Amino acid sequence: MNMELTYTPQGDYLLPNLTLSEAETTIGKYGMMRKTFLKTERKGMYAHLMLSEQLNRHLADIDRTAREQIDRTIKELLASHPA
């Protein structure tokens, strides 16, 4: 694997031009809550996900799963106790 880096001068420094290969995804409330939990309570897992570029995908999965569970729970409650 050949990696060539290009640099941009910023004052007295040369900063590498780095980009993420992962596309930006919108993370909802539950994904953001998971991110906060990982940053404060599971720092190693957070660092691993971030460095392996899997953090956004993980957060999006958590958010989707939480929303599906909420939707399922609301449907069950409405079926058992109609308004």
Protein backbone atom coordinates (compact mmCIF):
# COMPACT_ATOMS: atom_id res chain seq x y z
CA MET A 1 0.00 0.00 0.00
CA ASN A 2 1.63 3.19 -1.20
CA MET A 3 0.50 6.32 0.60
CA GLU A 4 1.69 9.65 -0.66
CA LEU A 5 0.90 12.61 1.50
CA THR A 6 0.57 16.18 0.36
CA TYR A 7 1.03 19.09 2.70
CA THR A 8 -0.39 22.59 3.02
CA PRO A 9 1.70 25.35 4.58
CA GLN A 10 0.07 27.00 7.60
CA GLY A 11 2.33 29.68 8.98
CA ASP A 12 5.61 28.01 9.95
CA TYR A 13 4.16 24.50 9.74
CA LEU A 14 3.30 22.01 7.01
CA LEU A 15 0.01 20.24 7.77
CA PRO A 16 -0.89 16.98 5.98
CA ASN A 17 -3.97 17.01 3.75
CA LEU A 18 -5.99 14.23 5.35
CA THR A 19 -9.53 13.14 4.52
CA LEU A 20 -11.85 10.52 5.94
CA SER A 21 -12.85 7.75 3.60
CA GLU A 22 -16.17 7.43 5.43
CA ALA A 23 -19.05 9.59 4.24
CA GLU A 24 -20.70 11.91 6.73
CA THR A 25 -23.92 10.53 8.14
CA THR A 26 -26.56 12.21 10.25
CA ILE A 27 -26.53 10.90 13.79
CA GLY A 28 -29.68 11.32 15.87
CA LYS A 29 -30.25 11.72 19.60
CA TYR A 30 -29.51 8.12 20.54
CA GLY A 31 -26.36 7.96 18.43
CA MET A 32 -25.09 11.12 20.11
CA MET A 33 -25.90 9.68 23.53
CA ARG A 34 -23.90 6.56 22.62
CA LYS A 35 -20.98 8.72 21.47
CA THR A 36 -20.97 10.59 24.79
CA PHE A 37 -21.09 7.29 26.69
CA LEU A 38 -18.20 5.86 24.69
CA LYS A 39 -16.10 9.01 25.14
CA THR A 40 -16.56 9.07 28.91
CA GLU A 41 -16.93 5.41 29.91
CA ARG A 42 -15.35 3.29 27.13
CA LYS A 43 -12.41 5.37 25.92
CA GLY A 44 -10.58 2.40 24.42
CA MET A 45 -13.56 1.28 22.35
CA TYR A 46 -14.17 4.88 21.26
CA ALA A 47 -10.55 5.26 20.14
CA HIS A 48 -10.65 1.91 18.30
CA LEU A 49 -13.86 2.79 16.44
CA MET A 50 -12.56 6.24 15.59
CA LEU A 51 -9.19 5.04 14.31
CA SER A 52 -10.71 2.22 12.28
CA GLU A 53 -13.21 4.71 10.76
CA GLN A 54 -16.17 2.70 12.03
CA LEU A 55 -17.47 5.19 14.61
CA ASN A 56 -20.08 6.90 12.42
CA ARG A 57 -21.41 3.58 11.14
CA HIS A 58 -21.62 2.26 14.72
CA LEU A 59 -23.44 5.38 15.93
CA ALA A 60 -25.87 5.26 13.00
CA ASP A 61 -26.62 1.58 13.76
CA ILE A 62 -27.24 2.34 17.44
CA ASP A 63 -29.52 5.25 16.54
CA ARG A 64 -31.50 3.18 14.01
CA THR A 65 -31.86 0.26 16.45
CA ALA A 66 -33.06 2.53 19.27
CA ARG A 67 -35.62 4.23 17.02
CA GLU A 68 -36.93 0.86 15.80
CA GLN A 69 -37.31 -0.33 19.40
CA ILE A 70 -39.18 2.86 20.35
CA ASP A 71 -41.51 2.50 17.36
CA ARG A 72 -42.17 -1.16 18.21
CA THR A 73 -42.87 -0.31 21.87
CA ILE A 74 -45.28 2.50 20.94
CA LYS A 75 -47.20 0.18 18.58
CA GLU A 76 -47.46 -2.48 21.29
CA LEU A 77 -48.69 0.07 23.84
CA LEU A 78 -51.28 1.44 21.43
CA ALA A 79 -52.49 -2.08 20.64
CA SER A 80 -52.87 -3.01 24.31
CA HIS A 81 -54.21 0.40 25.50
CA PRO A 82 -55.95 2.19 22.62
CA ALA A 83 -56.53 5.89 23.09
